[in-house]
Structures are given as structure tokens and as C-alpha cells.
Protein backbone atom coordinates (compact mmCIF):
# COMPACT_ATOMS: atom_id res chain seq x y z
CA UNK A 1 -101.24 133.18 156.51
CA UNK A 2 -97.75 133.80 154.84
CA UNK A 3 -97.85 130.25 153.41
CA UNK A 4 -101.43 130.82 152.09
CA UNK A 5 -100.34 134.00 150.40
CA UNK A 6 -97.35 132.08 148.87
CA UNK A 7 -99.66 129.46 147.59
CA UNK A 8 -102.08 132.03 146.09
CA UNK A 9 -99.28 133.87 144.37
CA UNK A 10 -97.99 130.57 142.90
CA UNK A 11 -101.40 129.92 141.46
CA UNK A 12 -101.56 133.49 140.06
CA UNK A 13 -98.26 132.92 138.20
CA UNK A 14 -99.19 129.42 136.84
CA UNK A 15 -102.38 131.00 135.43
CA UNK A 16 -100.64 133.97 133.89
CA UNK A 17 -101.76 134.10 130.31
CA UNK A 18 -98.40 135.00 129.02
CA UNK A 19 -95.82 133.36 131.30
CA UNK A 20 -97.81 130.74 133.11
CA UNK A 21 -98.00 126.99 132.68
CA UNK A 22 -100.06 125.92 129.49
CA UNK A 23 -101.79 123.09 131.23
CA UNK A 24 -102.77 125.18 134.35
CA UNK A 25 -104.03 128.00 132.14
CA UNK A 26 -106.34 125.64 130.16
CA UNK A 27 -108.20 124.30 133.32
CA UNK A 28 -111.67 125.29 134.38
CA UNK A 29 -114.32 124.15 136.98
CA UNK A 30 -115.30 121.18 134.93
CA UNK A 31 -111.82 119.91 134.07
CA UNK A 32 -110.68 120.31 137.63
CA UNK A 33 -113.69 118.51 139.21
CA UNK A 34 -112.29 114.98 138.78
CA UNK A 35 -108.99 115.93 140.38
CA UNK A 36 -110.85 117.51 143.26
CA UNK A 37 -112.77 114.38 143.86
CA UNK A 38 -109.56 112.25 143.42
CA UNK A 39 -107.52 114.35 145.99
CA UNK A 40 -110.40 114.12 148.53
CA UNK A 41 -110.36 110.28 148.27
CA UNK A 42 -106.57 110.34 148.60
CA UNK A 43 -106.88 112.12 151.91
CA UNK A 44 -109.27 109.49 153.06
CA UNK A 45 -106.99 106.76 152.04
CA UNK A 46 -104.02 108.18 153.89
CA UNK A 47 -106.26 108.44 156.99
CA UNK A 48 -107.28 104.76 156.72
CA UNK A 49 -103.64 103.86 156.37
CA UNK A 50 -102.79 105.96 159.53
CA UNK A 51 -100.12 107.60 157.38
CA UNK A 52 -99.61 110.98 159.09
CA UNK A 53 -97.04 112.28 156.68
CA UNK A 54 -99.38 111.08 153.72
CA UNK A 55 -102.42 112.89 155.34
CA UNK A 56 -100.22 116.11 155.44
CA UNK A 57 -99.18 115.86 151.78
CA UNK A 58 -102.66 114.84 150.59
CA UNK A 59 -104.26 117.67 152.42
CA UNK A 60 -101.87 120.08 150.61
CA UNK A 61 -102.99 118.54 147.33
CA UNK A 62 -106.57 119.16 148.37
CA UNK A 63 -105.95 122.68 149.47
CA UNK A 64 -104.37 123.35 145.97
CA UNK A 65 -107.63 122.42 144.43
CA UNK A 66 -109.53 124.97 146.62
CA UNK A 67 -106.91 127.54 145.65
CA UNK A 68 -107.11 126.46 141.90
CA UNK A 69 -110.89 126.77 141.84
CA UNK A 70 -110.88 130.05 143.58
CA UNK A 71 -108.34 131.60 141.11
CA UNK A 72 -110.47 130.37 138.16
CA UNK A 73 -113.52 132.16 139.89
CA UNK A 74 -111.51 135.34 140.62
CA UNK A 75 -110.48 135.54 137.02
CA UNK A 76 -114.14 135.39 135.98
CA UNK A 77 -115.12 137.97 138.56
CA UNK A 78 -117.27 135.54 140.58
CA UNK A 79 -115.54 135.15 143.97
CA UNK A 80 -112.08 134.96 145.54
CA UNK A 81 -110.21 132.63 148.00
CA UNK A 82 -110.92 135.17 150.66
CA UNK A 83 -114.64 135.03 149.92
CA UNK A 84 -114.37 131.16 150.28
CA UNK A 85 -112.62 131.34 153.62
CA UNK A 86 -114.97 134.09 154.93
CA UNK A 87 -117.95 132.08 153.78
CA UNK A 88 -116.99 128.90 155.68
CA UNK A 89 -115.86 131.01 158.73
CA UNK A 90 -119.26 132.56 158.87
CA UNK A 91 -120.96 129.22 158.43
CA UNK A 92 -119.09 127.72 161.38
CA UNK A 93 -119.98 130.67 163.51
CA UNK A 94 -123.72 130.32 162.74
CA UNK A 95 -123.70 126.56 163.20
CA UNK A 96 -122.10 126.59 166.68
CA UNK A 97 -124.17 129.07 168.68
CA UNK A 98 -123.25 126.96 171.89
CA UNK A 99 -119.62 128.19 171.24
CA UNK A 100 -119.88 131.58 169.53
CA UNK A 101 -123.43 132.71 170.22
CA UNK A 102 -124.90 134.87 172.92
CA UNK A 103 -124.43 134.20 176.67
CA UNK A 104 -127.80 132.46 176.71
CA UNK A 105 -127.01 130.21 173.85
CA UNK A 106 -123.61 129.26 175.21
CA UNK A 107 -125.22 128.61 178.62
CA UNK A 108 -127.78 126.38 176.96
CA UNK A 109 -125.00 124.37 175.37
CA UNK A 110 -125.20 122.09 172.36
CA UNK A 111 -128.74 121.18 171.54
CA UNK A 112 -129.64 117.86 169.85
CA UNK A 113 -130.68 118.45 166.16
CA UNK A 114 -129.66 122.19 166.09
CA UNK A 115 -126.89 121.58 163.54
CA UNK A 116 -129.43 120.11 161.09
CA UNK A 117 -132.04 122.75 161.95
CA UNK A 118 -129.55 125.61 161.28
CA UNK A 119 -128.50 124.00 157.95
CA UNK A 120 -132.15 123.65 156.88
CA UNK A 121 -132.53 127.48 157.61
CA UNK A 122 -129.54 128.19 155.56
CA UNK A 123 -130.93 126.16 152.62
CA UNK A 124 -134.27 127.85 152.76
CA UNK A 125 -132.68 131.29 152.82
CA UNK A 126 -130.43 130.42 149.93
CA UNK A 127 -132.90 128.59 147.81
CA UNK A 128 -136.37 129.78 148.70
CA UNK A 129 -137.84 128.20 145.47
CA UNK A 130 -136.92 124.65 146.62
CA UNK A 131 -138.44 124.00 149.97
CA UNK A 132 -137.91 120.18 149.86
CA UNK A 133 -136.23 118.65 152.93
CA UNK A 134 -133.95 116.77 150.27
CA UNK A 135 -132.68 120.02 148.87
CA UNK A 136 -128.90 120.51 148.99
CA UNK A 137 -127.82 116.78 148.87
CA UNK A 138 -125.12 116.85 146.24
CA UNK A 139 -125.94 114.85 143.12
CA UNK A 140 -122.20 114.02 142.60
CA UNK A 141 -121.90 112.13 145.85
CA UNK A 142 -120.99 108.45 145.67
CA UNK A 143 -124.52 106.77 145.26
CA UNK A 144 -124.22 104.71 148.41
CA UNK A 145 -123.35 107.78 150.49
CA UNK A 146 -126.16 109.81 148.76
CA UNK A 147 -128.65 107.04 149.64
CA UNK A 148 -127.75 107.28 153.17
CA UNK A 149 -128.11 111.11 153.22
CA UNK A 150 -131.46 110.91 151.53
CA UNK A 151 -132.83 108.33 154.05
CA UNK A 152 -131.42 110.41 156.97
CA UNK A 153 -132.99 113.67 155.58
CA UNK A 154 -136.37 111.89 155.16
CA UNK A 155 -136.09 110.38 158.62
CA UNK A 156 -135.68 113.86 160.03
CA UNK A 157 -139.43 114.53 159.17
CA UNK A 158 -140.66 111.21 160.45
CA UNK A 159 -140.53 109.16 157.20
CA UNK A 160 -138.64 106.25 158.53
CA UNK A 161 -139.03 102.76 160.18
CA UNK A 162 -139.19 102.81 163.99
CA UNK A 163 -136.23 100.44 164.28
CA UNK A 164 -133.88 98.26 162.33
CA UNK A 165 -136.39 95.48 161.68
CA UNK A 166 -137.99 97.78 159.06
CA UNK A 167 -135.07 98.08 156.72
CA UNK A 168 -134.34 94.34 157.28
CA UNK A 169 -137.80 93.45 156.00
CA UNK A 170 -137.30 95.87 153.16
CA UNK A 171 -134.11 94.16 152.11
CA UNK A 172 -135.83 90.86 152.12
CA UNK A 173 -138.58 92.33 149.96
CA UNK A 174 -136.32 94.02 147.49
CA UNK A 175 -134.18 90.90 147.23
CA UNK A 176 -137.31 88.85 146.30
CA UNK A 177 -138.24 91.53 143.63
CA UNK A 178 -134.63 91.33 142.28
CA UNK A 179 -134.97 87.46 141.97
CA UNK A 180 -138.31 87.89 140.22
CA UNK A 181 -136.77 90.30 137.65
CA UNK A 182 -133.96 87.86 136.99
CA UNK A 183 -136.45 85.22 136.13
CA UNK A 184 -137.77 87.59 133.42
CA UNK A 185 -134.34 88.21 132.15
CA UNK A 186 -135.11 91.97 131.99
CA UNK A 187 -131.88 94.01 132.20
CA UNK A 188 -133.74 97.24 132.79
CA UNK A 189 -135.80 95.77 135.63
CA UNK A 190 -132.86 93.90 137.11
CA UNK A 191 -130.89 97.22 137.32
CA UNK A 192 -133.84 98.98 138.97
CA UNK A 193 -134.40 96.22 141.50
CA UNK A 194 -130.64 96.00 142.26
CA UNK A 195 -130.69 99.73 143.03
CA UNK A 196 -133.75 99.40 145.25
CA UNK A 197 -131.92 96.63 147.17
CA UNK A 198 -128.73 98.74 147.61
CA UNK A 199 -130.94 101.69 148.78
CA UNK A 200 -132.49 99.41 151.40
CA UNK A 201 -129.05 98.30 152.54
CA UNK A 202 -127.99 101.98 152.90
CA UNK A 203 -131.06 102.53 155.08
CA UNK A 204 -130.13 99.51 157.22
CA UNK A 205 -126.62 100.90 157.68
CA UNK A 206 -128.03 104.25 158.78
CA UNK A 207 -130.27 102.47 161.55
CA UNK A 208 -127.13 100.50 162.54
CA UNK A 209 -125.22 103.84 162.68
CA UNK A 210 -122.67 102.44 160.24
CA UNK A 211 -121.25 104.46 157.36
CA UNK A 212 -122.03 102.23 154.37
CA UNK A 213 -119.12 103.59 152.44
CA UNK A 214 -116.82 102.75 155.32
CA UNK A 215 -118.44 99.19 155.62
CA UNK A 216 -117.99 98.61 151.79
CA UNK A 217 -114.43 99.93 151.88
CA UNK A 218 -113.65 97.41 154.70
CA UNK A 219 -115.19 94.61 152.67
CA UNK A 220 -113.14 95.61 149.59
CA UNK A 221 -109.91 95.75 151.59
CA UNK A 222 -110.68 92.33 153.15
CA UNK A 223 -111.43 90.79 149.71
CA UNK A 224 -108.22 92.18 148.22
CA UNK A 225 -106.12 91.03 151.16
CA UNK A 226 -107.43 87.48 151.05
CA UNK A 227 -107.28 87.34 147.13
CA UNK A 228 -103.66 88.48 147.23
CA UNK A 229 -102.86 85.79 149.86
CA UNK A 230 -104.53 83.23 147.61
CA UNK A 231 -102.48 84.37 144.57
CA UNK A 232 -99.24 84.35 146.49
CA UNK A 233 -99.76 80.93 147.94
CA UNK A 234 -100.64 79.43 144.55
CA UNK A 235 -97.69 81.42 142.79
CA UNK A 236 -95.24 79.63 145.16
CA UNK A 237 -96.39 76.31 143.70
CA UNK A 238 -96.15 77.55 140.17
CA UNK A 239 -99.92 77.35 139.72
CA UNK A 240 -101.79 79.78 137.41
CA UNK A 241 -105.07 80.84 138.92
CA UNK A 242 -106.76 80.88 135.43
CA UNK A 243 -105.98 77.26 135.12
CA UNK A 244 -108.13 76.19 138.13
CA UNK A 245 -111.90 75.56 138.21
CA UNK A 246 -114.11 77.47 140.57
CA UNK A 247 -114.28 74.53 143.14
CA UNK A 248 -110.52 74.53 143.41
CA UNK A 249 -110.25 78.24 143.71
CA UNK A 250 -112.96 78.32 146.43
CA UNK A 251 -110.95 75.82 148.33
CA UNK A 252 -107.83 77.84 148.15
CA UNK A 253 -109.94 80.96 149.10
CA UNK A 254 -111.14 79.21 152.25
CA UNK A 255 -107.62 78.21 153.06
CA UNK A 256 -106.42 81.82 152.72
CA UNK A 257 -109.35 82.97 154.95
CA UNK A 258 -108.28 80.38 157.58
CA UNK A 259 -104.67 81.41 157.42
CA UNK A 260 -105.68 85.06 157.96
CA UNK A 261 -107.91 84.21 160.92
CA UNK A 262 -105.38 82.01 162.40
CA UNK A 263 -102.76 84.77 162.05
CA UNK A 264 -105.12 87.36 163.77
CA UNK A 265 -105.71 85.11 166.70
CA UNK A 266 -102.13 84.09 167.05
CA UNK A 267 -102.90 80.34 166.46
CA UNK A 268 -101.68 78.08 163.91
């Protein structure tokens, strides 16, 4: 708690209208939002790299964002950092009755679906005017992650395929519709059909119990790794990638893939 108080005091001084930092004084919720998202992603990146020191540092940067937003709110008379901490503490107590509840609730243990049911009750209590099961899914989420959450929420009331064959068939259907839109050379419809295809893929990921963001991140890393390997190999021969045709580049790409697979298996 001493460290938290120190950080809160630092933020008060940074925001002081007379002696604080000009940049920090100018910030508000909107200007801070991009930094908040960026810091959250940097935490995830450090985790993926298994960089424990990096995780600690990035969590500190993310905590600073919480403190910063809380200070902006306190200056406006809206809420304080203590309110934020008390709010999440109360939420954790409510959502874990099998740990913090009555003797009967603790004896019963964790009940499947209770977390989502408690969250739904909280949403209904906070926003009674919006009784949609989709309420509360943040619009600012990455679109692929939001598609997964929309599908999961709808599935919670039975609006879902019984197994993975359903989303697989939907992907085939949406791919055909995209191909049809491409023959029309209609940019608007192509964009719409491509979106439908990606939404169907997110639903398949949910049925496979795979995080689509993680799956795409893995594909991104694999592509980058192999492309860099191809670049490095060609650079050693003094070859400029831009001077090669697609067939030659594809051959070098396949060679890079083969070298990577050979290294992974310890062969070659």
C-alpha cells in the first residue's frame, strides 16, 4: 500500500495546475485511451515472450494508466482510485460465492455457468433499460475478439450450432458469397461478405475452444519469422527481394519453411 500511495502522490504532483508536467496536465480520458490499450497489449507481448522482467515493467505501465484515469476522474469529482479498487474487490467477492459466500455456497463449490449468470445479474442491475444478452460487450474490443464474445453470449441462450460442423458449413457458405461478391466487383459487398466470413471463423474458433486472437497472433509470428528467414538468406547472396518474381519468391519461401521445420525436428 505504501508503494500505491507513492504512485498516487506522484500523479497528483504531475497533474498540479501550477507546478506539474504540462503534458500530463493536458490529458483526459479520451487522450489517454490509446495509451491504455497500447500498455495492455505490451503486457500481453511480454507474457508471450515469457519475459518475466518485462511483464513486471509492463504491468507497472498499465497500473500507471489506472492511476492516471482515476486522477482525472477525481479532479472532475467523479470517482477516485479507492473507488476503483473497492469496486473490483466487491465484484470479485460477488462472483466467487464458492470462496467468499455463505457456508452453504462454499460447501456447494463452483457451479458451472455461475460466473456468467452473476455477470448477467450485474448487467441487469446496472442497466435495466438494456436487457439484451449482448449488453456490456465492449465496442472497443478488437473485432475478432468481439465476434467471439458475441457468439459466446448468443450461445448462452441456445442460439448456436450443436457442434463444429455448423460453423464449418457457415464458413463454406460465407466464402462462396464472398467469391460471388468479387465477381460483381462491388467493394461494399466484398467488405460485408469478408466480415461475415471472419465472423464465421471466430465462431469456429469458439467451438474449437481456441482464442482466435491468439491463433492469429501465432500465424502472424510464424509469417514474420519465415519472411525474415527468407530475407536473411537472400541478403547473404546479395539479392534484392523486390527484383524477384512471385514464383521465385515462393520457392525461397518454401525453402525457408523447410529449413525451419528441419531445425524444429533436429534434422537436416
